[in-house]
PDB file of N, CA and C in Angstrom:
ATOM      1  N   MET A   1     -52.272  12.701  -1.790  1.00  0.00           N
ATOM      2  CA  MET A   1     -51.557  11.546  -2.324  1.00  0.00           C
ATOM      3  C   MET A   1     -51.575  10.420  -1.302  1.00  0.00           C
ATOM      4  N   ALA A   2     -51.981   9.242  -1.690  1.00  0.00           N
ATOM      5  CA  ALA A   2     -52.076   8.100  -0.777  1.00  0.00           C
ATOM      6  C   ALA A   2     -50.697   7.482  -0.554  1.00  0.00           C
ATOM      7  N   THR A   3     -50.480   7.078   0.665  1.00  0.00           N
ATOM      8  CA  THR A   3     -49.246   6.391   1.011  1.00  0.00           C
ATOM      9  C   THR A   3     -49.451   4.913   0.746  1.00  0.00           C
ATOM     10  N   THR A   4     -48.483   4.275   0.081  1.00  0.00           N
ATOM     11  CA  THR A   4     -48.606   2.859  -0.238  1.00  0.00           C
ATOM     12  C   THR A   4     -47.482   2.074   0.408  1.00  0.00           C
ATOM     13  N   GLY A   5     -47.633   0.758   0.384  1.00  0.00           N
ATOM     14  CA  GLY A   5     -46.596  -0.120   0.907  1.00  0.00           C
ATOM     15  C   GLY A   5     -46.865  -0.522   2.338  1.00  0.00           C
ATOM     16  N   LYS A   6     -45.832  -1.023   2.978  1.00  0.00           N
ATOM     17  CA  LYS A   6     -45.922  -1.522   4.343  1.00  0.00           C
ATOM     18  C   LYS A   6     -44.812  -0.909   5.194  1.00  0.00           C
ATOM     19  N   VAL A   7     -45.123  -0.742   6.459  1.00  0.00           N
ATOM     20  CA  VAL A   7     -44.137  -0.342   7.453  1.00  0.00           C
ATOM     21  C   VAL A   7     -44.015  -1.543   8.388  1.00  0.00           C
ATOM     22  N   ILE A   8     -42.811  -2.080   8.514  1.00  0.00           N
ATOM     23  CA  ILE A   8     -42.601  -3.314   9.269  1.00  0.00           C
ATOM     24  C   ILE A   8     -41.757  -3.009  10.500  1.00  0.00           C
ATOM     25  N   ILE A   9     -42.341  -3.277  11.664  1.00  0.00           N
ATOM     26  CA  ILE A   9     -41.603  -3.157  12.923  1.00  0.00           C
ATOM     27  C   ILE A   9     -41.078  -4.548  13.238  1.00  0.00           C
ATOM     28  N   GLN A  10     -39.766  -4.677  13.275  1.00  0.00           N
ATOM     29  CA  GLN A  10     -39.146  -5.973  13.533  1.00  0.00           C
ATOM     30  C   GLN A  10     -38.806  -6.131  15.009  1.00  0.00           C
ATOM     31  N   GLY A  11     -38.865  -7.361  15.493  1.00  0.00           N
ATOM     32  CA  GLY A  11     -38.539  -7.662  16.878  1.00  0.00           C
ATOM     33  C   GLY A  11     -37.050  -7.771  17.119  1.00  0.00           C
ATOM     34  N   ILE A  12     -36.294  -6.899  16.464  1.00  0.00           N
ATOM     35  CA  ILE A  12     -34.840  -6.845  16.613  1.00  0.00           C
ATOM     36  C   ILE A  12     -34.461  -5.396  16.895  1.00  0.00           C
ATOM     37  N   THR A  13     -33.626  -5.204  17.904  1.00  0.00           N
ATOM     38  CA  THR A  13     -33.190  -3.846  18.211  1.00  0.00           C
ATOM     39  C   THR A  13     -32.209  -3.367  17.152  1.00  0.00           C
ATOM     40  N   LYS A  14     -31.976  -2.077  17.139  1.00  0.00           N
ATOM     41  CA  LYS A  14     -31.040  -1.496  16.172  1.00  0.00           C
ATOM     42  C   LYS A  14     -29.628  -2.036  16.373  1.00  0.00           C
ATOM     43  N   GLU A  15     -29.342  -2.564  17.583  1.00  0.00           N
ATOM     44  CA  GLU A  15     -28.040  -3.171  17.862  1.00  0.00           C
ATOM     45  C   GLU A  15     -28.001  -4.639  17.459  1.00  0.00           C
ATOM     46  N   GLY A  16     -29.147  -5.189  17.032  1.00  0.00           N
ATOM     47  CA  GLY A  16     -29.191  -6.574  16.575  1.00  0.00           C
ATOM     48  C   GLY A  16     -29.680  -7.578  17.602  1.00  0.00           C
ATOM     49  N   GLY A  17     -30.065  -7.120  18.777  1.00  0.00           N
ATOM     50  CA  GLY A  17     -30.554  -8.030  19.814  1.00  0.00           C
ATOM     51  C   GLY A  17     -32.021  -8.371  19.637  1.00  0.00           C
ATOM     52  N   LYS A  18     -32.418  -9.522  20.166  1.00  0.00           N
ATOM     53  CA  LYS A  18     -33.812  -9.950  20.107  1.00  0.00           C
ATOM     54  C   LYS A  18     -34.609  -9.167  21.149  1.00  0.00           C
ATOM     55  N   PHE A  19     -35.747  -8.623  20.732  1.00  0.00           N
ATOM     56  CA  PHE A  19     -36.571  -7.823  21.626  1.00  0.00           C
ATOM     57  C   PHE A  19     -37.404  -8.714  22.532  1.00  0.00           C
ATOM     58  N   ARG A  20     -37.489  -8.344  23.781  1.00  0.00           N
ATOM     59  CA  ARG A  20     -38.282  -9.065  24.784  1.00  0.00           C
ATOM     60  C   ARG A  20     -39.332  -8.132  25.345  1.00  0.00           C
ATOM     61  N   PRO A  21     -40.478  -8.609  25.786  1.00  0.00           N
ATOM     62  CA  PRO A  21     -40.856 -10.006  25.922  1.00  0.00           C
ATOM     63  C   PRO A  21     -41.169 -10.640  24.565  1.00  0.00           C
ATOM     64  N   SER A  22     -41.178 -11.954  24.533  1.00  0.00           N
ATOM     65  CA  SER A  22     -41.343 -12.657  23.262  1.00  0.00           C
ATOM     66  C   SER A  22     -42.724 -12.445  22.644  1.00  0.00           C
ATOM     67  N   ASP A  23     -43.714 -12.032  23.428  1.00  0.00           N
ATOM     68  CA  ASP A  23     -45.058 -11.807  22.881  1.00  0.00           C
ATOM     69  C   ASP A  23     -45.342 -10.330  22.595  1.00  0.00           C
ATOM     70  N   TRP A  24     -44.293  -9.550  22.404  1.00  0.00           N
ATOM     71  CA  TRP A  24     -44.452  -8.109  22.211  1.00  0.00           C
ATOM     72  C   TRP A  24     -45.357  -7.792  21.018  1.00  0.00           C
ATOM     73  N   ALA A  25     -45.222  -8.559  19.928  1.00  0.00           N
ATOM     74  CA  ALA A  25     -45.995  -8.263  18.714  1.00  0.00           C
ATOM     75  C   ALA A  25     -47.486  -8.514  18.952  1.00  0.00           C
ATOM     76  N   GLU A  26     -47.804  -9.602  19.652  1.00  0.00           N
ATOM     77  CA  GLU A  26     -49.198  -9.898  19.969  1.00  0.00           C
ATOM     78  C   GLU A  26     -49.775  -8.812  20.874  1.00  0.00           C
ATOM     79  N   ARG A  27     -48.984  -8.374  21.836  1.00  0.00           N
ATOM     80  CA  ARG A  27     -49.441  -7.317  22.750  1.00  0.00           C
ATOM     81  C   ARG A  27     -49.691  -6.013  22.008  1.00  0.00           C
ATOM     82  N   LEU A  28     -48.778  -5.659  21.096  1.00  0.00           N
ATOM     83  CA  LEU A  28     -48.926  -4.411  20.354  1.00  0.00           C
ATOM     84  C   LEU A  28     -50.158  -4.472  19.449  1.00  0.00           C
ATOM     85  N   CYS A  29     -50.360  -5.580  18.767  1.00  0.00           N
ATOM     86  CA  CYS A  29     -51.556  -5.720  17.919  1.00  0.00           C
ATOM     87  C   CYS A  29     -52.819  -5.704  18.776  1.00  0.00           C
ATOM     88  N   GLY A  30     -52.757  -6.321  19.945  1.00  0.00           N
ATOM     89  CA  GLY A  30     -53.902  -6.316  20.851  1.00  0.00           C
ATOM     90  C   GLY A  30     -54.216  -4.932  21.379  1.00  0.00           C
ATOM     91  N   ALA A  31     -53.189  -4.122  21.552  1.00  0.00           N
ATOM     92  CA  ALA A  31     -53.381  -2.767  22.085  1.00  0.00           C
ATOM     93  C   ALA A  31     -54.165  -1.877  21.121  1.00  0.00           C
ATOM     94  N   VAL A  32     -54.123  -2.192  19.836  1.00  0.00           N
ATOM     95  CA  VAL A  32     -54.832  -1.373  18.851  1.00  0.00           C
ATOM     96  C   VAL A  32     -56.073  -2.085  18.305  1.00  0.00           C
ATOM     97  N   ALA A  33     -56.433  -3.207  18.927  1.00  0.00           N
ATOM     98  CA  ALA A  33     -57.624  -3.957  18.538  1.00  0.00           C
ATOM     99  C   ALA A  33     -58.845  -3.373  19.242  1.00  0.00           C
ATOM    100  N   SER A  34     -60.005  -3.810  18.818  1.00  0.00           N
ATOM    101  CA  SER A  34     -61.251  -3.431  19.486  1.00  0.00           C
ATOM    102  C   SER A  34     -62.001  -4.707  19.835  1.00  0.00           C
ATOM    103  N   TYR A  35     -63.113  -4.543  20.514  1.00  0.00           N
ATOM    104  CA  TYR A  35     -63.893  -5.707  20.921  1.00  0.00           C
ATOM    105  C   TYR A  35     -65.283  -5.613  20.337  1.00  0.00           C
ATOM    106  N   GLY A  36     -65.735  -6.745  19.783  1.00  0.00           N
ATOM    107  CA  GLY A  36     -67.052  -6.819  19.184  1.00  0.00           C
ATOM    108  C   GLY A  36     -68.019  -7.565  20.086  1.00  0.00           C
ATOM    109  N   PRO A  37     -69.125  -8.014  19.511  1.00  0.00           N
ATOM    110  CA  PRO A  37     -70.123  -8.758  20.283  1.00  0.00           C
ATOM    111  C   PRO A  37     -69.510  -9.971  20.968  1.00  0.00           C
ATOM    112  N   GLY A  38     -69.947 -10.223  22.184  1.00  0.00           N
ATOM    113  CA  GLY A  38     -69.418 -11.355  22.933  1.00  0.00           C
ATOM    114  C   GLY A  38     -67.978 -11.170  23.358  1.00  0.00           C
ATOM    115  N   ARG A  39     -67.519  -9.912  23.391  1.00  0.00           N
ATOM    116  CA  ARG A  39     -66.140  -9.582  23.779  1.00  0.00           C
ATOM    117  C   ARG A  39     -65.106 -10.248  22.869  1.00  0.00           C
ATOM    118  N   ARG A  40     -65.482 -10.487  21.632  1.00  0.00           N
ATOM    119  CA  ARG A  40     -64.546 -11.058  20.664  1.00  0.00           C
ATOM    120  C   ARG A  40     -63.605  -9.966  20.188  1.00  0.00           C
ATOM    121  N   ILE A  41     -62.328 -10.308  20.141  1.00  0.00           N
ATOM    122  CA  ILE A  41     -61.331  -9.321  19.725  1.00  0.00           C
ATOM    123  C   ILE A  41     -61.390  -9.143  18.207  1.00  0.00           C
ATOM    124  N   ILE A  42     -61.330  -7.898  17.786  1.00  0.00           N
ATOM    125  CA  ILE A  42     -61.314  -7.559  16.361  1.00  0.00           C
ATOM    126  C   ILE A  42     -60.005  -6.808  16.107  1.00  0.00           C
ATOM    127  N   PHE A  43     -59.090  -7.472  15.425  1.00  0.00           N
ATOM    128  CA  PHE A  43     -57.805  -6.845  15.153  1.00  0.00           C
ATOM    129  C   PHE A  43     -57.971  -5.757  14.107  1.00  0.00           C
ATOM    130  N   HIS A  44     -57.144  -4.733  14.204  1.00  0.00           N
ATOM    131  CA  HIS A  44     -57.203  -3.630  13.254  1.00  0.00           C
ATOM    132  C   HIS A  44     -56.850  -4.165  11.868  1.00  0.00           C
ATOM    133  N   PRO A  45     -57.636  -3.829  10.852  1.00  0.00           N
ATOM    134  CA  PRO A  45     -57.386  -4.387   9.516  1.00  0.00           C
ATOM    135  C   PRO A  45     -56.062  -3.944   8.888  1.00  0.00           C
ATOM    136  N   ASN A  46     -55.470  -2.876   9.385  1.00  0.00           N
ATOM    137  CA  ASN A  46     -54.208  -2.390   8.809  1.00  0.00           C
ATOM    138  C   ASN A  46     -52.988  -2.688   9.669  1.00  0.00           C
ATOM    139  N   VAL A  47     -53.170  -3.527  10.699  1.00  0.00           N
ATOM    140  CA  VAL A  47     -52.059  -3.874  11.598  1.00  0.00           C
ATOM    141  C   VAL A  47     -52.066  -5.393  11.759  1.00  0.00           C
ATOM    142  N   LYS A  48     -51.019  -6.055  11.284  1.00  0.00           N
ATOM    143  CA  LYS A  48     -50.986  -7.515  11.254  1.00  0.00           C
ATOM    144  C   LYS A  48     -49.726  -8.072  11.916  1.00  0.00           C
ATOM    145  N   LEU A  49     -49.875  -9.272  12.457  1.00  0.00           N
ATOM    146  CA  LEU A  49     -48.722 -10.033  12.945  1.00  0.00           C
ATOM    147  C   LEU A  49     -48.091 -10.743  11.763  1.00  0.00           C
ATOM    148  N   ALA A  50     -46.786 -10.880  11.786  1.00  0.00           N
ATOM    149  CA  ALA A  50     -46.092 -11.619  10.734  1.00  0.00           C
ATOM    150  C   ALA A  50     -44.766 -12.124  11.290  1.00  0.00           C
ATOM    151  N   SER A  51     -44.096 -12.898  10.471  1.00  0.00           N
ATOM    152  CA  SER A  51     -42.768 -13.401  10.819  1.00  0.00           C
ATOM    153  C   SER A  51     -41.884 -13.250   9.591  1.00  0.00           C
ATOM    154  N   MET A  52     -40.660 -12.786   9.812  1.00  0.00           N
ATOM    155  CA  MET A  52     -39.716 -12.634   8.720  1.00  0.00           C
ATOM    156  C   MET A  52     -38.410 -13.276   9.168  1.00  0.00           C
ATOM    157  N   GLU A  53     -38.049 -14.365   8.504  1.00  0.00           N
ATOM    158  CA  GLU A  53     -36.834 -15.098   8.846  1.00  0.00           C
ATOM    159  C   GLU A  53     -36.804 -15.460  10.330  1.00  0.00           C
ATOM    160  N   GLY A  54     -37.956 -15.895  10.848  1.00  0.00           N
ATOM    161  CA  GLY A  54     -38.050 -16.326  12.236  1.00  0.00           C
ATOM    162  C   GLY A  54     -38.151 -15.208  13.255  1.00  0.00           C
ATOM    163  N   VAL A  55     -38.249 -13.970  12.801  1.00  0.00           N
ATOM    164  CA  VAL A  55     -38.346 -12.818  13.698  1.00  0.00           C
ATOM    165  C   VAL A  55     -39.779 -12.301  13.677  1.00  0.00           C
ATOM    166  N   LYS A  56     -40.378 -12.141  14.862  1.00  0.00           N
ATOM    167  CA  LYS A  56     -41.727 -11.590  14.935  1.00  0.00           C
ATOM    168  C   LYS A  56     -41.717 -10.143  14.467  1.00  0.00           C
ATOM    169  N   CYS A  57     -42.794  -9.793  13.755  1.00  0.00           N
ATOM    170  CA  CYS A  57     -42.930  -8.441  13.213  1.00  0.00           C
ATOM    171  C   CYS A  57     -44.378  -7.987  13.346  1.00  0.00           C
ATOM    172  N   VAL A  58     -44.545  -6.681  13.345  1.00  0.00           N
ATOM    173  CA  VAL A  58     -45.863  -6.079  13.197  1.00  0.00           C
ATOM    174  C   VAL A  58     -45.816  -5.321  11.875  1.00  0.00           C
ATOM    175  N   VAL A  59     -46.748  -5.663  10.996  1.00  0.00           N
ATOM    176  CA  VAL A  59     -46.792  -5.066   9.663  1.00  0.00           C
ATOM    177  C   VAL A  59     -47.958  -4.089   9.618  1.00  0.00           C
ATOM    178  N   ILE A  60     -47.640  -2.852   9.292  1.00  0.00           N
ATOM    179  CA  ILE A  60     -48.624  -1.777   9.245  1.00  0.00           C
ATOM    180  C   ILE A  60     -48.808  -1.377   7.790  1.00  0.00           C
ATOM    181  N   ASP A  61     -50.054  -1.313   7.352  1.00  0.00           N
ATOM    182  CA  ASP A  61     -50.317  -0.803   6.023  1.00  0.00           C
ATOM    183  C   ASP A  61     -49.968   0.683   6.040  1.00  0.00           C
ATOM    184  N   ALA A  62     -49.123   1.107   5.125  1.00  0.00           N
ATOM    185  CA  ALA A  62     -48.630   2.490   5.132  1.00  0.00           C
ATOM    186  C   ALA A  62     -49.749   3.518   4.964  1.00  0.00           C
ATOM    187  N   SER A  63     -50.900   3.108   4.438  1.00  0.00           N
ATOM    188  CA  SER A  63     -52.025   4.037   4.296  1.00  0.00           C
ATOM    189  C   SER A  63     -52.523   4.529   5.653  1.00  0.00           C
ATOM    190  N   LEU A  64     -52.205   3.794   6.717  1.00  0.00           N
ATOM    191  CA  LEU A  64     -52.611   4.209   8.060  1.00  0.00           C
ATOM    192  C   LEU A  64     -52.009   5.563   8.422  1.00  0.00           C
ATOM    193  N   GLU A  65     -50.843   5.861   7.867  1.00  0.00           N
ATOM    194  CA  GLU A  65     -50.193   7.141   8.130  1.00  0.00           C
ATOM    195  C   GLU A  65     -51.074   8.314   7.679  1.00  0.00           C
ATOM    196  N   ASP A  66     -51.828   8.118   6.595  1.00  0.00           N
ATOM    197  CA  ASP A  66     -52.746   9.146   6.103  1.00  0.00           C
ATOM    198  C   ASP A  66     -54.120   9.049   6.766  1.00  0.00           C
ATOM    199  N   ASN A  67     -54.582   7.826   7.000  1.00  0.00           N
ATOM    200  CA  ASN A  67     -55.952   7.596   7.465  1.00  0.00           C
ATOM    201  C   ASN A  67     -56.138   7.733   8.973  1.00  0.00           C
ATOM    202  N   ASP A  68     -55.106   7.409   9.758  1.00  0.00           N
ATOM    203  CA  ASP A  68     -55.198   7.488  11.220  1.00  0.00           C
ATOM    204  C   ASP A  68     -53.804   7.788  11.766  1.00  0.00           C
ATOM    205  N   GLU A  69     -53.418   9.051  11.615  1.00  0.00           N
ATOM    206  CA  GLU A  69     -52.056   9.453  11.960  1.00  0.00           C
ATOM    207  C   GLU A  69     -51.725   9.192  13.429  1.00  0.00           C
ATOM    208  N   MET A  70     -52.700   9.367  14.326  1.00  0.00           N
ATOM    209  CA  MET A  70     -52.432   9.128  15.752  1.00  0.00           C
ATOM    210  C   MET A  70     -52.097   7.664  16.020  1.00  0.00           C
ATOM    211  N   LEU A  71     -52.829   6.750  15.394  1.00  0.00           N
ATOM    212  CA  LEU A  71     -52.564   5.329  15.566  1.00  0.00           C
ATOM    213  C   LEU A  71     -51.213   4.965  14.953  1.00  0.00           C
ATOM    214  N   PHE A  72     -50.950   5.489  13.765  1.00  0.00           N
ATOM    215  CA  PHE A  72     -49.669   5.236  13.109  1.00  0.00           C
ATOM    216  C   PHE A  72     -48.526   5.725  13.996  1.00  0.00           C
ATOM    217  N   ASP A  73     -48.664   6.927  14.549  1.00  0.00           N
ATOM    218  CA  ASP A  73     -47.624   7.475  15.423  1.00  0.00           C
ATOM    219  C   ASP A  73     -47.463   6.640  16.694  1.00  0.00           C
ATOM    220  N   PHE A  74     -48.571   6.142  17.252  1.00  0.00           N
ATOM    221  CA  PHE A  74     -48.498   5.282  18.432  1.00  0.00           C
ATOM    222  C   PHE A  74     -47.632   4.055  18.148  1.00  0.00           C
ATOM    223  N   LEU A  75     -47.860   3.417  17.015  1.00  0.00           N
ATOM    224  CA  LEU A  75     -47.117   2.204  16.664  1.00  0.00           C
ATOM    225  C   LEU A  75     -45.642   2.495  16.385  1.00  0.00           C
ATOM    226  N   THR A  76     -45.380   3.539  15.598  1.00  0.00           N
ATOM    227  CA  THR A  76     -43.989   3.838  15.272  1.00  0.00           C
ATOM    228  C   THR A  76     -43.247   4.442  16.459  1.00  0.00           C
ATOM    229  N   ASP A  77     -43.947   5.172  17.327  1.00  0.00           N
ATOM    230  CA  ASP A  77     -43.312   5.672  18.550  1.00  0.00           C
ATOM    231  C   ASP A  77     -42.911   4.514  19.460  1.00  0.00           C
ATOM    232  N   PHE A  78     -43.749   3.465  19.536  1.00  0.00           N
ATOM    233  CA  PHE A  78     -43.406   2.273  20.307  1.00  0.00           C
ATOM    234  C   PHE A  78     -42.083   1.704  19.796  1.00  0.00           C
ATOM    235  N   ALA A  79     -41.966   1.588  18.485  1.00  0.00           N
ATOM    236  CA  ALA A  79     -40.738   1.055  17.889  1.00  0.00           C
ATOM    237  C   ALA A  79     -39.541   1.946  18.216  1.00  0.00           C
ATOM    238  N   ASP A  80     -39.709   3.245  18.076  1.00  0.00           N
ATOM    239  CA  ASP A  80     -38.616   4.182  18.348  1.00  0.00           C
ATOM    240  C   ASP A  80     -38.192   4.130  19.822  1.00  0.00           C
ATOM    241  N   GLU A  81     -39.183   4.132  20.723  1.00  0.00           N
ATOM    242  CA  GLU A  81     -38.877   4.125  22.154  1.00  0.00           C
ATOM    243  C   GLU A  81     -38.171   2.846  22.595  1.00  0.00           C
ATOM    244  N   ASN A  82     -38.426   1.745  21.871  1.00  0.00           N
ATOM    245  CA  ASN A  82     -37.813   0.471  22.217  1.00  0.00           C
ATOM    246  C   ASN A  82     -36.642   0.127  21.300  1.00  0.00           C
ATOM    247  N   ASN A  83     -36.223   1.109  20.493  1.00  0.00           N
ATOM    248  CA  ASN A  83     -35.036   0.973  19.652  1.00  0.00           C
ATOM    249  C   ASN A  83     -35.155  -0.178  18.650  1.00  0.00           C
ATOM    250  N   LEU A  84     -36.384  -0.388  18.130  1.00  0.00           N
ATOM    251  CA  LEU A  84     -36.619  -1.478  17.197  1.00  0.00           C
ATOM    252  C   LEU A  84     -36.376  -1.041  15.759  1.00  0.00           C
ATOM    253  N   GLN A  85     -35.999  -2.008  14.941  1.00  0.00           N
ATOM    254  CA  GLN A  85     -35.776  -1.740  13.527  1.00  0.00           C
ATOM    255  C   GLN A  85     -37.115  -1.580  12.808  1.00  0.00           C
ATOM    256  N   ILE A  86     -37.185  -0.574  11.942  1.00  0.00           N
ATOM    257  CA  ILE A  86     -38.381  -0.314  11.143  1.00  0.00           C
ATOM    258  C   ILE A  86     -37.976  -0.333   9.668  1.00  0.00           C
ATOM    259  N   LEU A  87     -38.726  -1.076   8.875  1.00  0.00           N
ATOM    260  CA  LEU A  87     -38.506  -1.126   7.430  1.00  0.00           C
ATOM    261  C   LEU A  87     -39.721  -0.566   6.724  1.00  0.00           C
ATOM    262  N   ARG A  88     -39.485   0.155   5.643  1.00  0.00           N
ATOM    263  CA  ARG A  88     -40.576   0.576   4.757  1.00  0.00           C
ATOM    264  C   ARG A  88     -40.350  -0.134   3.444  1.00  0.00           C
ATOM    265  N   THR A  89     -41.411  -0.747   2.932  1.00  0.00           N
ATOM    266  CA  THR A  89     -41.259  -1.515   1.703  1.00  0.00           C
ATOM    267  C   THR A  89     -42.528  -1.470   0.878  1.00  0.00           C
ATOM    268  N   ASP A  90     -42.371  -1.664  -0.421  1.00  0.00           N
ATOM    269  CA  ASP A  90     -43.523  -1.799  -1.304  1.00  0.00           C
ATOM    270  C   ASP A  90     -43.817  -3.261  -1.586  1.00  0.00           C
ATOM    271  N   THR A  91     -42.886  -4.138  -1.187  1.00  0.00           N
ATOM    272  CA  THR A  91     -43.096  -5.571  -1.355  1.00  0.00           C
ATOM    273  C   THR A  91     -43.309  -6.179   0.010  1.00  0.00           C
ATOM    274  N   PHE A  92     -43.926  -7.324   0.027  1.00  0.00           N
ATOM    275  CA  PHE A  92     -44.284  -7.938   1.304  1.00  0.00           C
ATOM    276  C   PHE A  92     -43.981  -9.435   1.252  1.00  0.00           C
ATOM    277  N   PRO A  93     -42.698  -9.828   1.338  1.00  0.00           N
ATOM    278  CA  PRO A  93     -42.333 -11.248   1.221  1.00  0.00           C
ATOM    279  C   PRO A  93     -42.382 -11.996   2.542  1.00  0.00           C
ATOM    280  N   LEU A  94     -43.356 -11.696   3.396  1.00  0.00           N
ATOM    281  CA  LEU A  94     -43.383 -12.277   4.730  1.00  0.00           C
ATOM    282  C   LEU A  94     -44.367 -13.424   4.811  1.00  0.00           C
ATOM    283  N   ALA A  95     -44.067 -14.371   5.694  1.00  0.00           N
ATOM    284  CA  ALA A  95     -44.994 -15.462   5.989  1.00  0.00           C
ATOM    285  C   ALA A  95     -45.827 -15.044   7.190  1.00  0.00           C
ATOM    286  N   GLU A  96     -47.128 -15.174   7.086  1.00  0.00           N
ATOM    287  CA  GLU A  96     -48.015 -14.825   8.204  1.00  0.00           C
ATOM    288  C   GLU A  96     -47.886 -15.858   9.297  1.00  0.00           C
TER     289      GLU A  96
END
């Protein structure tokens, strides 16, 4: 059975504080990117930067949980270790 929807890691701690450093989302997306010809960065197609109500987020396609469990666990473990809020949703009302 395929997993659908999105898993959203928000730049807000479970206590409601803003997560630092401010470029955490770019760093996390960069950590799972690869490099193509000419050392051009190729972002993972299932891991995107987004903003929700002015808060930086990393949006993960939930299918990654089935397709690349190690990568999915790396991303969600980062959120857990840093006490970040995680949302699971079937809708995606975010501005890129």
